[in-house]
Protein backbone atom coordinates (compact mmCIF):
# COMPACT_ATOMS: atom_id res chain seq x y z
CA SER A 1 0.00 0.00 0.00
CA LEU A 2 2.85 2.39 0.80
CA ALA A 3 4.31 1.86 -2.67
CA VAL A 4 0.95 2.08 -4.44
CA ALA A 5 -0.26 5.33 -2.81
CA PRO A 6 2.12 7.82 -4.54
CA ILE A 7 1.65 6.21 -7.95
CA ALA A 8 -2.13 6.12 -7.58
CA LEU A 9 -2.15 9.72 -6.36
CA ALA A 10 -0.13 10.85 -9.39
CA GLY A 11 -2.53 9.01 -11.71
CA LEU A 12 -5.57 10.56 -10.07
CA GLY A 13 -3.84 13.94 -10.32
CA ILE A 14 -3.72 13.59 -14.11
CA VAL A 15 -7.47 12.99 -14.21
CA CYS A 16 -8.14 15.93 -11.89
CA SER A 17 -5.89 18.17 -14.00
CA LEU A 18 -7.83 17.24 -17.13
CA ILE A 19 -11.08 18.17 -15.39
CA GLY A 20 -9.48 21.42 -14.23
CA VAL A 21 -8.54 22.29 -17.83
CA PHE A 22 -12.20 22.14 -18.85
CA VAL A 23 -13.12 24.51 -16.02
CA VAL A 24 -11.04 27.29 -17.60
CA ARG A 25 -13.26 29.72 -19.50
CA ALA A 26 -12.53 33.16 -20.98
CA LYS A 27 -14.83 35.84 -22.40
CA GLU A 28 -14.22 37.86 -25.54
CA ASP A 29 -11.93 40.87 -24.91
CA ALA A 30 -11.15 39.63 -21.39
CA SER A 31 -8.66 41.68 -19.37
CA PHE A 32 -5.41 40.30 -17.98
CA SER A 33 -6.89 39.94 -14.49
CA GLN A 34 -9.93 38.10 -15.87
CA LEU A 35 -7.73 35.68 -17.80
CA LEU A 36 -5.60 35.12 -14.72
CA LYS A 37 -8.70 34.47 -12.60
CA SER A 38 -9.92 31.98 -15.18
CA LEU A 39 -6.65 30.05 -15.02
CA HIS A 40 -6.79 30.17 -11.22
CA MET A 41 -10.24 28.58 -11.31
CA GLY A 42 -8.84 25.64 -13.25
CA VAL A 43 -5.94 25.13 -10.83
CA TRP A 44 -8.19 25.49 -7.77
CA ALA A 45 -10.72 23.05 -9.21
CA ALA A 46 -8.00 20.46 -9.84
CA SER A 47 -6.56 21.04 -6.35
CA GLY A 48 -9.95 20.68 -4.69
CA LEU A 49 -10.58 17.41 -6.52
CA ILE A 50 -7.16 16.10 -5.45
CA VAL A 51 -8.00 16.85 -1.80
CA LEU A 52 -11.20 14.81 -2.08
CA VAL A 53 -9.89 11.86 -4.08
CA SER A 54 -6.74 11.57 -1.96
CA LEU A 55 -8.94 11.30 1.14
CA TRP A 56 -10.80 8.41 -0.48
CA LEU A 57 -7.57 6.81 -1.74
CA LEU A 58 -5.78 6.84 1.61
CA ARG A 59 -8.82 5.59 3.50
CA THR A 60 -9.12 2.74 1.03
CA LEU A 61 -5.44 1.77 1.22
CA PHE A 62 -4.69 2.39 4.92
CA GLY A 63 -8.09 2.33 6.61
CA ASP A 64 -7.49 -1.13 8.10
CA ILE A 65 -3.83 -0.61 9.06
CA GLU A 66 -3.59 0.57 12.68
CA ALA A 67 0.14 1.39 12.52
CA ILE A 68 -0.45 4.05 9.84
CA SER A 69 -2.70 7.08 10.24
CA TRP A 70 -4.34 7.55 6.86
CA LEU A 71 -5.76 10.85 8.05
CA GLY A 72 -2.25 12.01 8.97
CA LEU A 73 -0.95 11.06 5.52
CA TRP A 74 -3.86 12.98 4.02
CA GLY A 75 -2.74 15.98 6.06
CA SER A 76 0.74 15.60 4.55
CA ILE A 77 -0.69 15.57 1.03
CA VAL A 78 -2.83 18.65 1.68
CA THR A 79 0.21 20.38 3.19
CA GLY A 80 2.23 19.74 0.04
CA LEU A 81 -0.63 20.87 -2.18
CA LEU A 82 -1.11 24.11 -0.23
CA ALA A 83 2.64 24.75 -0.26
CA GLY A 84 2.65 24.49 -4.06
CA LEU A 85 -0.25 26.94 -4.34
CA ILE A 86 1.41 29.43 -1.98
CA ILE A 87 4.67 29.28 -3.94
CA ALA A 88 2.74 29.78 -7.19
CA PHE A 89 0.95 32.80 -5.75
CA ALA A 90 4.23 34.31 -4.54
CA THR A 91 5.83 33.73 -7.94
CA GLU A 92 2.91 35.45 -9.63
CA TYR A 93 3.16 38.41 -7.23
CA TYR A 94 6.86 38.97 -7.87
CA THR A 95 6.72 38.45 -11.66
CA SER A 96 3.35 39.76 -12.90
CA TYR A 97 3.24 43.34 -14.17
CA GLU A 98 -0.05 43.78 -12.29
CA HIS A 99 1.77 43.84 -8.95
CA ALA A 100 4.11 46.32 -7.26
CA PRO A 101 7.50 44.51 -7.54
CA THR A 102 7.57 44.39 -11.34
CA GLN A 103 6.06 47.86 -11.61
CA GLY A 104 8.80 49.15 -9.32
CA ILE A 105 11.48 47.66 -11.58
CA ALA A 106 9.89 49.29 -14.63
CA GLU A 107 9.81 52.68 -12.90
CA GLN A 108 13.59 52.49 -12.40
CA ALA A 109 13.99 52.80 -16.19
CA GLU A 110 13.30 56.52 -15.81
CA THR A 111 16.77 56.97 -14.28
CA GLY A 112 18.70 54.60 -16.52
CA PRO A 113 19.56 50.93 -17.16
CA ALA A 114 21.82 50.57 -14.10
CA THR A 115 18.98 51.19 -11.66
CA VAL A 116 16.80 48.70 -13.57
CA ILE A 117 19.47 46.02 -13.10
CA ILE A 118 19.91 46.86 -9.41
CA ALA A 119 16.16 46.80 -8.77
CA GLY A 120 15.71 43.57 -10.73
CA VAL A 121 18.46 41.76 -8.85
CA ALA A 122 17.12 43.06 -5.52
CA VAL A 123 13.55 41.94 -6.24
CA GLY A 124 14.81 38.59 -7.50
CA MET A 125 16.74 38.00 -4.30
CA ILE A 126 13.98 39.07 -1.93
CA SER A 127 11.40 36.97 -3.81
CA THR A 128 13.09 33.75 -2.66
CA TRP A 129 12.02 34.13 0.99
CA VAL A 130 8.45 32.93 0.37
CA PRO A 131 9.28 29.56 -1.27
CA ILE A 132 12.09 28.90 1.23
CA ALA A 133 9.89 29.58 4.26
CA THR A 134 6.97 27.67 2.73
CA ILE A 135 9.05 24.58 1.96
CA VAL A 136 10.63 24.50 5.42
CA LEU A 137 7.24 24.79 7.11
CA ALA A 138 5.68 22.22 4.76
CA ILE A 139 8.44 19.68 5.50
CA ILE A 140 7.95 20.08 9.25
CA LEU A 141 4.16 19.79 9.02
CA ALA A 142 4.19 16.85 6.60
CA PHE A 143 6.72 15.01 8.78
CA THR A 144 4.59 15.60 11.87
CA PHE A 145 1.23 14.75 10.29
CA ALA A 146 2.53 11.41 9.00
CA GLY A 147 3.66 10.40 12.48
CA GLY A 148 7.34 11.23 12.29
CA GLY A 149 7.46 11.88 16.02
CA GLU A 150 6.90 8.17 16.65
CA ASN A 151 8.34 6.64 13.49
CA PHE A 152 11.10 8.54 11.67
CA LEU A 153 10.73 6.56 8.43
CA LEU A 154 6.99 7.17 8.38
CA GLY A 155 7.71 10.88 8.76
CA LEU A 156 10.03 10.75 5.76
CA TYR A 157 7.28 8.98 3.83
CA GLY A 158 4.96 11.84 4.75
CA VAL A 159 7.43 14.37 3.33
CA GLY A 160 7.73 12.30 0.16
CA ILE A 161 3.99 11.96 -0.37
CA ALA A 162 3.60 15.70 0.35
CA ALA A 163 5.87 16.30 -2.65
CA VAL A 164 3.62 14.04 -4.73
CA GLY A 165 0.65 16.08 -3.52
CA MET A 166 2.41 19.28 -4.56
CA LEU A 167 3.08 17.88 -8.04
CA SER A 168 -0.26 16.11 -8.46
CA THR A 169 -1.74 19.08 -10.35
CA LEU A 170 1.34 19.46 -12.54
CA GLY A 171 -0.75 18.61 -15.61
CA ILE A 172 -2.76 21.84 -15.49
CA THR A 173 0.09 24.02 -14.22
CA LEU A 174 2.31 22.92 -17.11
CA ALA A 175 -0.59 23.53 -19.49
CA THR A 176 -0.80 27.14 -18.29
CA ASP A 177 2.98 27.51 -18.58
CA ALA A 178 2.72 26.53 -22.23
CA TYR A 179 0.69 29.69 -22.90
CA GLY A 180 3.91 31.73 -22.86
CA PRO A 181 6.00 30.31 -25.73
CA ILE A 182 2.97 29.31 -27.81
CA ALA A 183 1.42 32.78 -27.58
CA ASP A 184 4.80 34.37 -28.27
CA ASN A 185 5.16 32.35 -31.48
CA ALA A 186 1.58 33.22 -32.44
CA GLY A 187 2.37 36.90 -31.91
CA GLY A 188 5.34 36.67 -34.23
CA ASN A 189 3.22 34.99 -36.88
CA ALA A 190 0.52 37.66 -36.48
CA GLU A 191 3.06 40.43 -36.95
CA MET A 192 4.71 38.86 -40.00
CA THR A 193 1.34 38.25 -41.70
CA GLY A 194 0.15 41.81 -41.08
CA GLN A 195 -2.69 41.03 -38.68
CA PRO A 196 -4.52 43.90 -36.92
CA PRO A 197 -2.73 45.33 -33.84
CA VAL A 198 -5.39 43.89 -31.53
CA VAL A 199 -4.18 40.37 -32.40
CA ARG A 200 -0.65 41.18 -31.25
CA GLU A 201 -2.04 42.78 -28.07
CA ARG A 202 -3.91 39.59 -27.24
CA THR A 203 -0.94 37.32 -27.90
CA ASP A 204 1.30 39.58 -25.78
CA MET A 205 -1.23 39.35 -22.96
CA LEU A 206 -1.33 35.55 -23.19
CA ASP A 207 2.46 35.48 -23.37
CA SER A 208 2.71 37.47 -20.15
CA LEU A 209 0.02 35.30 -18.59
CA GLY A 210 1.92 32.11 -19.37
CA ASN A 211 5.17 33.52 -18.06
């Protein structure tokens, strides 16, 4: 059961990611924030499904085994999943032009390229605190939830399955990442074929969204 659980969770994650993809909807002439919200809905839907199906999976596999707390392992999976979402949100905050960090870097261009480089390096360095703190806390929580205080190896298993939980929605997150290069190529094609400016504006928006 211990060997089957991560593999089964990854397989269920693929199914949940496919369902999450179909949740994504966008209106005509949608703004950047509306497109971003639409992508968030897909990721959140996939994550919510993973929380539910992992609860069923662990209860099925470990419900009759007294030495293993299936509810604790479920807590480890949820911890990993939440850690991934927090890191994604922090990455979006420090890289999207809708938020202050990137806008601050752009404003430095008024005084020259050197200040842009300094601001960019500074923001890049300070942006690492969120994923570092999140990962450290997630490791501690996953280890504890799985019963690491009583069984060290079981705690390590909890950390491992938390990582599987974090990556279980990789299908939809990679799909959103693909928006960047695909939209960038589409923008180049639109420009070379003389399409209206609005086409290039839309591809640039999708390019930024994917990035």
